[in-house]
Amino acid sequence: MRELMQLKETERELEKCFQTLQKRNGMSTPTEKNHNKHLDVLQDYKLYLITYIQELEKMDRQSEFAKKWNETTIKERKEEIIVIDKILKNLVRF
């Protein structure tokens, strides 16, 4: 998990550098910036879901009641992550 967070942080830093270069070259339009901002929000939500699932799975290991209680929630959140991945892979970042 820590490695994933470090990779995401590096990705964000690279994205900021790229955006700075775009601004200097006048390449980015307001629509593109808005589009990228929404992709960032979607990526952040995906990271939140991953963390949330991991916390639920920790609870599952501690309690059989929690395991049954969280079973459908974990399944639904994993499906959400799959959908978010498909969206992020198919949309172009400016």
N, C-alpha and C. Protein backbone atom coordinates (compact mmCIF):
# COMPACT_ATOMS: atom_id res chain seq x y z
N MET A 1 0.83 -1.19 0.00
CA MET A 1 0.00 0.00 0.00
C MET A 1 0.87 1.25 0.00
N ARG A 2 1.93 1.22 0.81
CA ARG A 2 2.83 2.38 0.89
C ARG A 2 3.48 2.64 -0.47
N GLU A 3 3.86 1.56 -1.17
CA GLU A 3 4.47 1.71 -2.48
C GLU A 3 3.49 2.32 -3.47
N LEU A 4 2.23 1.91 -3.39
CA LEU A 4 1.20 2.46 -4.26
C LEU A 4 1.03 3.95 -4.01
N MET A 5 1.03 4.34 -2.76
CA MET A 5 0.88 5.75 -2.42
C MET A 5 2.08 6.55 -2.92
N GLN A 6 3.27 5.99 -2.81
CA GLN A 6 4.47 6.67 -3.30
C GLN A 6 4.43 6.82 -4.81
N LEU A 7 3.96 5.78 -5.50
CA LEU A 7 3.84 5.87 -6.95
C LEU A 7 2.82 6.94 -7.35
N LYS A 8 1.73 7.00 -6.64
CA LYS A 8 0.70 8.00 -6.93
C LYS A 8 1.24 9.41 -6.68
N GLU A 9 2.02 9.57 -5.62
CA GLU A 9 2.60 10.87 -5.31
C GLU A 9 3.57 11.28 -6.41
N THR A 10 4.38 10.34 -6.86
CA THR A 10 5.32 10.62 -7.96
C THR A 10 4.56 10.98 -9.23
N GLU A 11 3.47 10.25 -9.48
CA GLU A 11 2.65 10.53 -10.66
C GLU A 11 2.07 11.94 -10.58
N ARG A 12 1.62 12.33 -9.42
CA ARG A 12 1.07 13.68 -9.26
C ARG A 12 2.13 14.75 -9.45
N GLU A 13 3.34 14.50 -8.94
CA GLU A 13 4.43 15.45 -9.12
C GLU A 13 4.79 15.61 -10.59
N LEU A 14 4.84 14.48 -11.30
CA LEU A 14 5.12 14.54 -12.73
C LEU A 14 4.01 15.28 -13.48
N GLU A 15 2.78 15.03 -13.07
CA GLU A 15 1.64 15.71 -13.69
C GLU A 15 1.73 17.22 -13.47
N LYS A 16 2.11 17.64 -12.27
CA LYS A 16 2.26 19.07 -11.98
C LYS A 16 3.36 19.68 -12.84
N CYS A 17 4.47 18.96 -12.99
CA CYS A 17 5.56 19.45 -13.84
C CYS A 17 5.08 19.60 -15.28
N PHE A 18 4.36 18.61 -15.76
CA PHE A 18 3.84 18.66 -17.12
C PHE A 18 2.87 19.83 -17.29
N GLN A 19 2.01 20.03 -16.31
CA GLN A 19 1.07 21.15 -16.39
C GLN A 19 1.79 22.49 -16.40
N THR A 20 2.86 22.59 -15.62
CA THR A 20 3.66 23.81 -15.61
C THR A 20 4.26 24.06 -16.99
N LEU A 21 4.76 23.02 -17.61
CA LEU A 21 5.31 23.15 -18.96
C LEU A 21 4.22 23.56 -19.95
N GLN A 22 3.04 23.00 -19.80
CA GLN A 22 1.94 23.36 -20.67
C GLN A 22 1.59 24.83 -20.54
N LYS A 23 1.55 25.32 -19.30
CA LYS A 23 1.22 26.72 -19.07
C LYS A 23 2.25 27.63 -19.71
N ARG A 24 3.51 27.26 -19.60
CA ARG A 24 4.58 28.07 -20.20
C ARG A 24 4.46 28.10 -21.71
N ASN A 25 4.03 27.01 -22.30
CA ASN A 25 3.91 26.92 -23.75
C ASN A 25 2.53 27.32 -24.25
N GLY A 26 1.62 27.61 -23.32
CA GLY A 26 0.27 28.03 -23.71
C GLY A 26 -0.54 26.91 -24.33
N MET A 27 -0.31 25.68 -23.92
CA MET A 27 -0.95 24.53 -24.55
C MET A 27 -2.27 24.13 -23.89
N SER A 28 -2.49 24.53 -22.67
CA SER A 28 -3.64 24.03 -21.93
C SER A 28 -4.79 25.04 -21.97
N THR A 29 -5.98 24.54 -22.29
CA THR A 29 -7.17 25.38 -22.30
C THR A 29 -7.93 25.17 -21.00
N PRO A 30 -8.85 26.08 -20.66
CA PRO A 30 -9.65 25.89 -19.44
C PRO A 30 -10.44 24.58 -19.45
N THR A 31 -10.93 24.18 -20.60
CA THR A 31 -11.67 22.91 -20.68
C THR A 31 -10.77 21.73 -20.37
N GLU A 32 -9.54 21.76 -20.88
CA GLU A 32 -8.60 20.69 -20.62
C GLU A 32 -8.23 20.63 -19.14
N LYS A 33 -8.04 21.79 -18.53
CA LYS A 33 -7.72 21.84 -17.10
C LYS A 33 -8.86 21.25 -16.28
N ASN A 34 -10.08 21.62 -16.63
CA ASN A 34 -11.26 21.11 -15.92
C ASN A 34 -11.37 19.60 -16.10
N HIS A 35 -11.12 19.13 -17.30
CA HIS A 35 -11.16 17.70 -17.59
C HIS A 35 -10.13 16.96 -16.73
N ASN A 36 -8.91 17.48 -16.68
CA ASN A 36 -7.85 16.85 -15.89
C ASN A 36 -8.18 16.88 -14.40
N LYS A 37 -8.78 17.99 -13.97
CA LYS A 37 -9.15 18.09 -12.55
C LYS A 37 -10.15 17.00 -12.18
N HIS A 38 -11.11 16.74 -13.04
CA HIS A 38 -12.10 15.71 -12.77
C HIS A 38 -11.47 14.32 -12.80
N LEU A 39 -10.51 14.11 -13.67
CA LEU A 39 -9.80 12.83 -13.68
C LEU A 39 -9.02 12.65 -12.38
N ASP A 40 -8.43 13.73 -11.88
CA ASP A 40 -7.71 13.68 -10.60
C ASP A 40 -8.65 13.32 -9.46
N VAL A 41 -9.84 13.92 -9.47
CA VAL A 41 -10.82 13.63 -8.42
C VAL A 41 -11.23 12.15 -8.49
N LEU A 42 -11.41 11.66 -9.68
CA LEU A 42 -11.78 10.26 -9.86
C LEU A 42 -10.65 9.34 -9.37
N GLN A 43 -9.42 9.71 -9.67
CA GLN A 43 -8.27 8.92 -9.20
C GLN A 43 -8.19 8.95 -7.67
N ASP A 44 -8.42 10.11 -7.08
CA ASP A 44 -8.40 10.22 -5.62
C ASP A 44 -9.49 9.36 -4.98
N TYR A 45 -10.66 9.34 -5.61
CA TYR A 45 -11.76 8.52 -5.10
C TYR A 45 -11.39 7.04 -5.18
N LYS A 46 -10.73 6.65 -6.26
CA LYS A 46 -10.28 5.26 -6.40
C LYS A 46 -9.32 4.90 -5.27
N LEU A 47 -8.38 5.77 -4.97
CA LEU A 47 -7.43 5.51 -3.88
C LEU A 47 -8.15 5.42 -2.54
N TYR A 48 -9.16 6.28 -2.35
CA TYR A 48 -9.96 6.22 -1.13
C TYR A 48 -10.66 4.87 -1.01
N LEU A 49 -11.24 4.39 -2.12
CA LEU A 49 -11.94 3.10 -2.10
C LEU A 49 -10.99 1.96 -1.77
N ILE A 50 -9.78 2.00 -2.31
CA ILE A 50 -8.80 0.96 -2.03
C ILE A 50 -8.48 0.93 -0.55
N THR A 51 -8.26 2.10 0.04
CA THR A 51 -7.97 2.19 1.47
C THR A 51 -9.17 1.71 2.30
N TYR A 52 -10.36 2.10 1.89
CA TYR A 52 -11.58 1.72 2.59
C TYR A 52 -11.75 0.20 2.59
N ILE A 53 -11.52 -0.43 1.43
CA ILE A 53 -11.63 -1.88 1.34
C ILE A 53 -10.60 -2.56 2.24
N GLN A 54 -9.40 -2.03 2.26
CA GLN A 54 -8.37 -2.62 3.11
C GLN A 54 -8.76 -2.54 4.58
N GLU A 55 -9.34 -1.43 5.00
CA GLU A 55 -9.78 -1.29 6.39
C GLU A 55 -10.91 -2.27 6.71
N LEU A 56 -11.84 -2.44 5.78
CA LEU A 56 -12.93 -3.40 5.99
C LEU A 56 -12.39 -4.83 6.09
N GLU A 57 -11.41 -5.14 5.25
CA GLU A 57 -10.83 -6.48 5.29
C GLU A 57 -10.07 -6.72 6.59
N LYS A 58 -9.45 -5.69 7.14
CA LYS A 58 -8.80 -5.82 8.46
C LYS A 58 -9.84 -6.15 9.52
N MET A 59 -10.97 -5.45 9.47
CA MET A 59 -12.04 -5.71 10.43
C MET A 59 -12.56 -7.13 10.27
N ASP A 60 -12.64 -7.60 9.03
CA ASP A 60 -13.12 -8.96 8.75
C ASP A 60 -12.25 -10.01 9.43
N ARG A 61 -10.95 -9.78 9.44
CA ARG A 61 -10.04 -10.73 10.06
C ARG A 61 -10.21 -10.78 11.58
N GLN A 62 -10.74 -9.72 12.15
CA GLN A 62 -10.89 -9.64 13.60
C GLN A 62 -12.23 -10.18 14.08
N SER A 63 -13.24 -10.15 13.22
CA SER A 63 -14.57 -10.52 13.68
C SER A 63 -15.36 -11.23 12.58
N GLU A 64 -15.95 -12.34 12.93
CA GLU A 64 -16.78 -13.09 11.99
C GLU A 64 -18.05 -12.30 11.66
N PHE A 65 -18.60 -11.60 12.65
CA PHE A 65 -19.79 -10.77 12.42
C PHE A 65 -19.48 -9.69 11.40
N ALA A 66 -18.34 -9.02 11.57
CA ALA A 66 -17.95 -7.95 10.64
C ALA A 66 -17.73 -8.52 9.24
N LYS A 67 -17.22 -9.72 9.16
CA LYS A 67 -16.98 -10.34 7.86
C LYS A 67 -18.27 -10.50 7.08
N LYS A 68 -19.30 -11.02 7.74
CA LYS A 68 -20.59 -11.18 7.07
C LYS A 68 -21.22 -9.82 6.76
N TRP A 69 -21.04 -8.87 7.66
CA TRP A 69 -21.62 -7.55 7.51
C TRP A 69 -20.98 -6.80 6.33
N ASN A 70 -19.68 -6.92 6.17
CA ASN A 70 -18.94 -6.14 5.17
C ASN A 70 -18.84 -6.83 3.81
N GLU A 71 -19.27 -8.06 3.73
CA GLU A 71 -19.09 -8.85 2.52
C GLU A 71 -19.63 -8.16 1.26
N THR A 72 -20.88 -7.72 1.29
CA THR A 72 -21.47 -7.09 0.10
C THR A 72 -20.85 -5.71 -0.16
N THR A 73 -20.53 -4.99 0.91
CA THR A 73 -19.93 -3.67 0.74
C THR A 73 -18.59 -3.78 0.02
N ILE A 74 -17.78 -4.74 0.44
CA ILE A 74 -16.47 -4.94 -0.20
C ILE A 74 -16.65 -5.31 -1.67
N LYS A 75 -17.59 -6.19 -1.94
CA LYS A 75 -17.84 -6.61 -3.32
C LYS A 75 -18.27 -5.42 -4.19
N GLU A 76 -19.17 -4.59 -3.68
CA GLU A 76 -19.64 -3.43 -4.43
C GLU A 76 -18.52 -2.42 -4.67
N ARG A 77 -17.68 -2.19 -3.67
CA ARG A 77 -16.59 -1.22 -3.81
C ARG A 77 -15.54 -1.71 -4.80
N LYS A 78 -15.29 -3.02 -4.82
CA LYS A 78 -14.35 -3.57 -5.79
C LYS A 78 -14.89 -3.42 -7.22
N GLU A 79 -16.20 -3.57 -7.37
CA GLU A 79 -16.81 -3.35 -8.68
C GLU A 79 -16.68 -1.88 -9.09
N GLU A 80 -16.85 -0.97 -8.13
CA GLU A 80 -16.67 0.45 -8.42
C GLU A 80 -15.25 0.74 -8.90
N ILE A 81 -14.28 0.12 -8.25
CA ILE A 81 -12.88 0.34 -8.63
C ILE A 81 -12.64 -0.14 -10.06
N ILE A 82 -13.24 -1.25 -10.43
CA ILE A 82 -13.09 -1.77 -11.79
C ILE A 82 -13.66 -0.77 -12.80
N VAL A 83 -14.82 -0.22 -12.50
CA VAL A 83 -15.44 0.76 -13.40
C VAL A 83 -14.57 2.02 -13.49
N ILE A 84 -14.07 2.50 -12.37
CA ILE A 84 -13.22 3.69 -12.35
C ILE A 84 -11.96 3.44 -13.17
N ASP A 85 -11.36 2.26 -13.03
CA ASP A 85 -10.17 1.92 -13.82
C ASP A 85 -10.46 1.99 -15.32
N LYS A 86 -11.60 1.46 -15.72
CA LYS A 86 -11.97 1.48 -17.14
C LYS A 86 -12.12 2.92 -17.62
N ILE A 87 -12.75 3.76 -16.83
CA ILE A 87 -12.92 5.16 -17.19
C ILE A 87 -11.57 5.84 -17.32
N LEU A 88 -10.71 5.67 -16.32
CA LEU A 88 -9.41 6.33 -16.33
C LEU A 88 -8.53 5.84 -17.50
N LYS A 89 -8.63 4.59 -17.85
CA LYS A 89 -7.82 4.07 -18.95
C LYS A 89 -8.31 4.55 -20.30
N ASN A 90 -9.59 4.84 -20.43
CA ASN A 90 -10.15 5.21 -21.72
C ASN A 90 -10.21 6.72 -21.96
N LEU A 91 -9.97 7.51 -20.94
CA LEU A 91 -9.99 8.96 -21.12
C LEU A 91 -8.58 9.50 -21.26
N VAL A 92 -8.44 10.48 -22.13
CA VAL A 92 -7.14 11.08 -22.38
C VAL A 92 -6.91 12.23 -21.40
N ARG A 93 -5.70 12.27 -20.87
CA ARG A 93 -5.31 13.37 -19.99
C ARG A 93 -4.59 14.41 -20.85
N PHE A 94 -4.99 15.68 -20.71
CA PHE A 94 -4.37 16.75 -21.50
C PHE A 94 -3.18 17.33 -20.80
